Amino acid sequence: MYVPNHFKEEDQEVLHQYIREYSFGTLIISDAEGIEANHVPFHLVVDKGRSLGKLQCHLARANTAWQRIQDGAQVLAIFQGPNAYISPSWYATKAERGKFRLFRILIGLNSIYLS
């Protein structure tokens, strides 16, 4: 996803806090079978030895997504927070275009552990 530099957040503590506050995310799986999205609650575990932390989530046994992950599917986790459209009428000049404010984190996962 394209993110202009002035909107980028690279502070790990801020990103970790955001994931904790908005932990219901979208788990996207991509492999030869296609693309699938699952909305699941995540839990972030940050160990001192792991600067990025570890994301955990629960998938029902009947959901074949866990098997696809185990077989090497590519995975992406998306976390979205509050968002809102800001109307041009809110600005004194009204000449400005409307804006859409949102906060989201995209995480490409390359190490998956199933238990």
N, C-alpha and C. Protein backbone atom coordinates (compact mmCIF):
# COMPACT_ATOMS: atom_id res chain seq x y z
N MET A 1 0.84 -1.16 0.00
CA MET A 1 0.00 0.00 0.00
C MET A 1 0.90 1.24 0.00
N TYR A 2 0.57 2.19 -0.83
CA TYR A 2 1.34 3.42 -0.87
C TYR A 2 0.98 4.28 0.34
N VAL A 3 2.00 4.73 1.05
CA VAL A 3 1.80 5.62 2.19
C VAL A 3 2.79 6.78 2.04
N PRO A 4 2.29 8.01 1.89
CA PRO A 4 3.19 9.16 1.80
C PRO A 4 4.06 9.26 3.05
N ASN A 5 5.28 9.73 2.88
CA ASN A 5 6.23 9.80 4.00
C ASN A 5 5.68 10.53 5.22
N HIS A 6 4.91 11.59 5.01
CA HIS A 6 4.42 12.37 6.15
C HIS A 6 3.32 11.64 6.92
N PHE A 7 2.84 10.49 6.41
CA PHE A 7 1.86 9.69 7.15
C PHE A 7 2.46 8.40 7.71
N LYS A 8 3.71 8.09 7.38
CA LYS A 8 4.33 6.84 7.84
C LYS A 8 4.59 6.87 9.33
N GLU A 9 4.32 5.74 9.95
CA GLU A 9 4.64 5.57 11.37
C GLU A 9 5.60 4.39 11.47
N GLU A 10 6.80 4.63 11.98
CA GLU A 10 7.79 3.57 12.07
C GLU A 10 8.20 3.27 13.50
N ASP A 11 7.62 3.95 14.46
CA ASP A 11 7.92 3.71 15.87
C ASP A 11 7.24 2.40 16.29
N GLN A 12 8.05 1.38 16.62
CA GLN A 12 7.52 0.06 16.96
C GLN A 12 6.56 0.11 18.15
N GLU A 13 6.84 0.94 19.14
CA GLU A 13 5.96 1.04 20.30
C GLU A 13 4.58 1.56 19.91
N VAL A 14 4.55 2.55 19.05
CA VAL A 14 3.27 3.10 18.58
C VAL A 14 2.51 2.05 17.79
N LEU A 15 3.20 1.34 16.91
CA LEU A 15 2.56 0.29 16.10
C LEU A 15 2.06 -0.85 16.99
N HIS A 16 2.85 -1.25 17.97
CA HIS A 16 2.43 -2.31 18.89
C HIS A 16 1.19 -1.89 19.67
N GLN A 17 1.17 -0.66 20.15
CA GLN A 17 0.02 -0.16 20.90
C GLN A 17 -1.23 -0.14 20.02
N TYR A 18 -1.06 0.26 18.78
CA TYR A 18 -2.18 0.30 17.85
C TYR A 18 -2.75 -1.10 17.64
N ILE A 19 -1.88 -2.09 17.46
CA ILE A 19 -2.35 -3.48 17.27
C ILE A 19 -3.08 -3.95 18.52
N ARG A 20 -2.59 -3.59 19.69
CA ARG A 20 -3.26 -4.00 20.93
C ARG A 20 -4.64 -3.34 21.05
N GLU A 21 -4.75 -2.07 20.67
CA GLU A 21 -6.02 -1.36 20.78
C GLU A 21 -7.04 -1.79 19.73
N TYR A 22 -6.58 -2.13 18.54
CA TYR A 22 -7.47 -2.52 17.45
C TYR A 22 -7.09 -3.92 16.98
N SER A 23 -7.22 -4.87 17.87
CA SER A 23 -6.68 -6.21 17.65
C SER A 23 -7.53 -7.09 16.74
N PHE A 24 -8.74 -6.66 16.40
CA PHE A 24 -9.55 -7.44 15.48
C PHE A 24 -9.12 -7.09 14.07
N GLY A 25 -8.42 -8.00 13.43
CA GLY A 25 -7.82 -7.70 12.14
C GLY A 25 -8.30 -8.61 11.03
N THR A 26 -7.74 -8.41 9.86
CA THR A 26 -8.04 -9.23 8.69
C THR A 26 -6.81 -10.04 8.35
N LEU A 27 -6.95 -11.35 8.30
CA LEU A 27 -5.88 -12.26 7.92
C LEU A 27 -6.12 -12.66 6.48
N ILE A 28 -5.22 -12.25 5.60
CA ILE A 28 -5.36 -12.54 4.17
C ILE A 28 -4.36 -13.62 3.80
N ILE A 29 -4.86 -14.62 3.11
CA ILE A 29 -4.04 -15.77 2.70
C ILE A 29 -4.06 -15.84 1.19
N SER A 30 -2.89 -16.06 0.60
CA SER A 30 -2.78 -16.15 -0.86
C SER A 30 -1.92 -17.35 -1.23
N ASP A 31 -2.45 -18.21 -2.08
CA ASP A 31 -1.70 -19.36 -2.59
C ASP A 31 -2.30 -19.78 -3.92
N ALA A 32 -1.95 -20.97 -4.40
CA ALA A 32 -2.44 -21.45 -5.69
C ALA A 32 -3.96 -21.61 -5.70
N GLU A 33 -4.57 -21.79 -4.53
CA GLU A 33 -6.03 -21.94 -4.44
C GLU A 33 -6.75 -20.60 -4.57
N GLY A 34 -6.02 -19.50 -4.42
CA GLY A 34 -6.63 -18.18 -4.53
C GLY A 34 -6.33 -17.32 -3.33
N ILE A 35 -7.16 -16.30 -3.15
CA ILE A 35 -7.00 -15.35 -2.06
C ILE A 35 -8.21 -15.48 -1.14
N GLU A 36 -7.95 -15.47 0.17
CA GLU A 36 -9.03 -15.59 1.16
C GLU A 36 -8.77 -14.61 2.29
N ALA A 37 -9.82 -13.99 2.77
CA ALA A 37 -9.71 -13.07 3.90
C ALA A 37 -10.54 -13.60 5.06
N ASN A 38 -9.95 -13.58 6.26
CA ASN A 38 -10.63 -14.00 7.48
C ASN A 38 -10.51 -12.88 8.50
N HIS A 39 -11.62 -12.53 9.13
CA HIS A 39 -11.61 -11.52 10.19
C HIS A 39 -11.46 -12.26 11.51
N VAL A 40 -10.35 -12.00 12.19
CA VAL A 40 -10.05 -12.73 13.42
C VAL A 40 -9.44 -11.79 14.47
N PRO A 41 -9.60 -12.14 15.75
CA PRO A 41 -8.91 -11.38 16.79
C PRO A 41 -7.45 -11.83 16.86
N PHE A 42 -6.57 -10.87 17.01
CA PHE A 42 -5.14 -11.16 17.13
C PHE A 42 -4.66 -10.82 18.53
N HIS A 43 -3.59 -11.46 18.91
CA HIS A 43 -2.92 -11.15 20.18
C HIS A 43 -1.45 -10.93 19.85
N LEU A 44 -0.91 -9.80 20.27
CA LEU A 44 0.49 -9.48 20.02
C LEU A 44 1.33 -9.83 21.24
N VAL A 45 2.37 -10.61 21.02
CA VAL A 45 3.30 -10.98 22.08
C VAL A 45 4.66 -10.39 21.71
N VAL A 46 5.20 -9.56 22.58
CA VAL A 46 6.49 -8.95 22.32
C VAL A 46 7.46 -9.41 23.39
N ASP A 47 8.46 -10.17 22.98
CA ASP A 47 9.52 -10.61 23.87
C ASP A 47 10.70 -9.65 23.71
N LYS A 48 11.49 -9.52 24.75
CA LYS A 48 12.66 -8.62 24.64
C LYS A 48 13.59 -9.04 23.52
N GLY A 49 13.68 -10.32 23.24
CA GLY A 49 14.55 -10.81 22.17
C GLY A 49 13.96 -10.65 20.79
N ARG A 50 12.67 -10.34 20.71
CA ARG A 50 12.00 -10.17 19.41
C ARG A 50 11.53 -8.74 19.29
N SER A 51 12.22 -7.94 18.53
CA SER A 51 11.86 -6.52 18.44
C SER A 51 10.51 -6.31 17.75
N LEU A 52 10.18 -7.15 16.77
CA LEU A 52 8.93 -6.96 16.05
C LEU A 52 7.75 -7.63 16.74
N GLY A 53 8.00 -8.63 17.55
CA GLY A 53 6.93 -9.33 18.24
C GLY A 53 6.39 -10.48 17.43
N LYS A 54 5.37 -11.12 17.99
CA LYS A 54 4.76 -12.28 17.37
C LYS A 54 3.24 -12.11 17.43
N LEU A 55 2.58 -12.30 16.30
CA LEU A 55 1.13 -12.21 16.25
C LEU A 55 0.54 -13.61 16.40
N GLN A 56 -0.46 -13.71 17.25
CA GLN A 56 -1.16 -14.97 17.42
C GLN A 56 -2.63 -14.73 17.11
N CYS A 57 -3.28 -15.74 16.53
CA CYS A 57 -4.72 -15.66 16.31
C CYS A 57 -5.29 -17.07 16.36
N HIS A 58 -6.59 -17.14 16.46
CA HIS A 58 -7.27 -18.44 16.52
C HIS A 58 -8.08 -18.64 15.26
N LEU A 59 -7.88 -19.79 14.63
CA LEU A 59 -8.70 -20.19 13.49
C LEU A 59 -9.39 -21.49 13.87
N ALA A 60 -10.67 -21.59 13.59
CA ALA A 60 -11.40 -22.81 13.88
C ALA A 60 -10.82 -23.98 13.09
N ARG A 61 -10.88 -25.14 13.67
CA ARG A 61 -10.37 -26.35 12.99
C ARG A 61 -11.08 -26.54 11.64
N ALA A 62 -12.35 -26.19 11.57
CA ALA A 62 -13.12 -26.36 10.33
C ALA A 62 -12.71 -25.35 9.25
N ASN A 63 -12.03 -24.28 9.63
CA ASN A 63 -11.56 -23.27 8.67
C ASN A 63 -10.28 -23.79 8.04
N THR A 64 -10.30 -24.03 6.74
CA THR A 64 -9.13 -24.60 6.06
C THR A 64 -7.97 -23.62 5.91
N ALA A 65 -8.16 -22.38 6.36
CA ALA A 65 -7.09 -21.38 6.24
C ALA A 65 -5.83 -21.84 6.96
N TRP A 66 -5.95 -22.46 8.11
CA TRP A 66 -4.76 -22.89 8.85
C TRP A 66 -3.98 -23.94 8.07
N GLN A 67 -4.68 -24.79 7.32
CA GLN A 67 -3.98 -25.79 6.50
C GLN A 67 -3.24 -25.13 5.34
N ARG A 68 -3.86 -24.12 4.76
CA ARG A 68 -3.22 -23.40 3.67
C ARG A 68 -1.97 -22.68 4.17
N ILE A 69 -2.05 -22.11 5.36
CA ILE A 69 -0.88 -21.45 5.95
C ILE A 69 0.22 -22.47 6.20
N GLN A 70 -0.16 -23.61 6.75
CA GLN A 70 0.82 -24.66 7.04
C GLN A 70 1.50 -25.15 5.77
N ASP A 71 0.78 -25.11 4.65
CA ASP A 71 1.33 -25.57 3.37
C ASP A 71 2.14 -24.48 2.66
N GLY A 72 2.33 -23.33 3.30
CA GLY A 72 3.22 -22.31 2.75
C GLY A 72 2.55 -21.13 2.08
N ALA A 73 1.27 -20.91 2.29
CA ALA A 73 0.59 -19.76 1.69
C ALA A 73 1.20 -18.46 2.19
N GLN A 74 1.15 -17.43 1.36
CA GLN A 74 1.59 -16.11 1.79
C GLN A 74 0.49 -15.51 2.65
N VAL A 75 0.90 -14.75 3.67
CA VAL A 75 -0.06 -14.23 4.64
C VAL A 75 0.17 -12.74 4.85
N LEU A 76 -0.93 -12.01 5.00
CA LEU A 76 -0.90 -10.58 5.29
C LEU A 76 -1.92 -10.31 6.38
N ALA A 77 -1.53 -9.55 7.40
CA ALA A 77 -2.46 -9.14 8.46
C ALA A 77 -2.70 -7.65 8.33
N ILE A 78 -3.96 -7.24 8.42
CA ILE A 78 -4.32 -5.83 8.31
C ILE A 78 -5.09 -5.43 9.55
N PHE A 79 -4.69 -4.31 10.14
CA PHE A 79 -5.37 -3.76 11.31
C PHE A 79 -5.86 -2.37 10.94
N GLN A 80 -7.15 -2.11 11.16
CA GLN A 80 -7.70 -0.80 10.86
C GLN A 80 -8.32 -0.20 12.11
N GLY A 81 -8.08 1.06 12.29
CA GLY A 81 -8.64 1.77 13.42
C GLY A 81 -9.77 2.65 12.99
N PRO A 82 -10.06 3.64 13.78
CA PRO A 82 -11.16 4.55 13.43
C PRO A 82 -10.82 5.34 12.17
N ASN A 83 -11.84 5.65 11.40
CA ASN A 83 -11.63 6.46 10.21
C ASN A 83 -12.84 7.37 10.03
N ALA A 84 -12.65 8.43 9.27
CA ALA A 84 -13.75 9.38 9.08
C ALA A 84 -13.48 10.24 7.85
N TYR A 85 -14.55 10.59 7.18
CA TYR A 85 -14.46 11.53 6.06
C TYR A 85 -14.54 12.94 6.63
N ILE A 86 -13.67 13.80 6.16
CA ILE A 86 -13.67 15.20 6.60
C ILE A 86 -14.15 16.04 5.43
N SER A 87 -15.31 16.62 5.59
CA SER A 87 -15.96 17.39 4.54
C SER A 87 -15.24 18.72 4.31
N PRO A 88 -15.20 19.20 3.04
CA PRO A 88 -14.62 20.51 2.76
C PRO A 88 -15.35 21.64 3.50
N SER A 89 -16.62 21.41 3.84
CA SER A 89 -17.37 22.46 4.53
C SER A 89 -16.85 22.71 5.94
N TRP A 90 -16.00 21.83 6.45
CA TRP A 90 -15.40 22.02 7.78
C TRP A 90 -14.26 23.03 7.74
N TYR A 91 -13.77 23.36 6.53
CA TYR A 91 -12.65 24.27 6.39
C TYR A 91 -13.16 25.68 6.10
N ALA A 92 -12.46 26.66 6.62
CA ALA A 92 -12.87 28.06 6.42
C ALA A 92 -12.89 28.43 4.94
N THR A 93 -11.92 27.94 4.18
CA THR A 93 -11.84 28.34 2.76
C THR A 93 -12.82 27.57 1.90
N LYS A 94 -13.23 26.42 2.29
CA LYS A 94 -14.13 25.52 1.56
C LYS A 94 -13.60 25.19 0.17
N ALA A 95 -12.44 25.74 -0.18
CA ALA A 95 -11.85 25.44 -1.48
C ALA A 95 -11.06 24.13 -1.43
N GLU A 96 -10.77 23.68 -0.23
CA GLU A 96 -10.00 22.44 -0.09
C GLU A 96 -10.91 21.26 -0.40
N ARG A 97 -10.31 20.23 -0.94
CA ARG A 97 -11.07 19.00 -1.21
C ARG A 97 -11.30 18.24 0.08
N GLY A 98 -12.30 17.39 0.06
CA GLY A 98 -12.57 16.53 1.21
C GLY A 98 -11.42 15.56 1.44
N LYS A 99 -11.27 15.13 2.66
CA LYS A 99 -10.19 14.21 3.00
C LYS A 99 -10.78 13.03 3.74
N PHE A 100 -10.11 11.92 3.66
CA PHE A 100 -10.53 10.73 4.39
C PHE A 100 -9.38 10.36 5.32
N ARG A 101 -9.60 10.45 6.61
CA ARG A 101 -8.56 10.13 7.59
C ARG A 101 -8.73 8.70 8.05
N LEU A 102 -7.65 7.94 8.02
CA LEU A 102 -7.71 6.58 8.52
C LEU A 102 -6.36 6.17 9.06
N PHE A 103 -6.37 5.11 9.82
CA PHE A 103 -5.14 4.58 10.40
C PHE A 103 -5.17 3.09 10.18
N ARG A 104 -4.16 2.56 9.50
CA ARG A 104 -4.14 1.13 9.25
C ARG A 104 -2.71 0.64 9.25
N ILE A 105 -2.54 -0.62 9.61
CA ILE A 105 -1.23 -1.27 9.62
C ILE A 105 -1.33 -2.51 8.74
N LEU A 106 -0.37 -2.67 7.84
CA LEU A 106 -0.27 -3.87 7.01
C LEU A 106 0.99 -4.61 7.42
N ILE A 107 0.85 -5.88 7.71
CA ILE A 107 2.00 -6.68 8.14
C ILE A 107 2.10 -7.91 7.26
N GLY A 108 3.19 -8.01 6.54
CA GLY A 108 3.47 -9.24 5.77
C GLY A 108 4.16 -10.22 6.69
N LEU A 109 3.60 -11.40 6.78
CA LEU A 109 4.15 -12.39 7.69
C LEU A 109 4.91 -13.44 6.89
N ASN A 110 6.15 -13.66 7.26
CA ASN A 110 6.91 -14.67 6.54
C ASN A 110 7.31 -15.85 7.42
N SER A 111 6.99 -15.82 8.68
CA SER A 111 7.25 -16.95 9.57
C SER A 111 5.96 -17.29 10.29
N ILE A 112 5.42 -18.44 9.99
CA ILE A 112 4.16 -18.87 10.56
C ILE A 112 4.40 -20.13 11.40
N TYR A 113 3.93 -20.11 12.63
CA TYR A 113 4.04 -21.27 13.50
C TYR A 113 2.64 -21.68 13.91
N LEU A 114 2.30 -22.91 13.68
CA LEU A 114 0.98 -23.40 14.04
C LEU A 114 1.10 -24.32 15.24
N SER A 115 0.16 -24.18 16.16
CA SER A 115 0.14 -25.10 17.31
C SER A 115 -1.29 -25.46 17.64
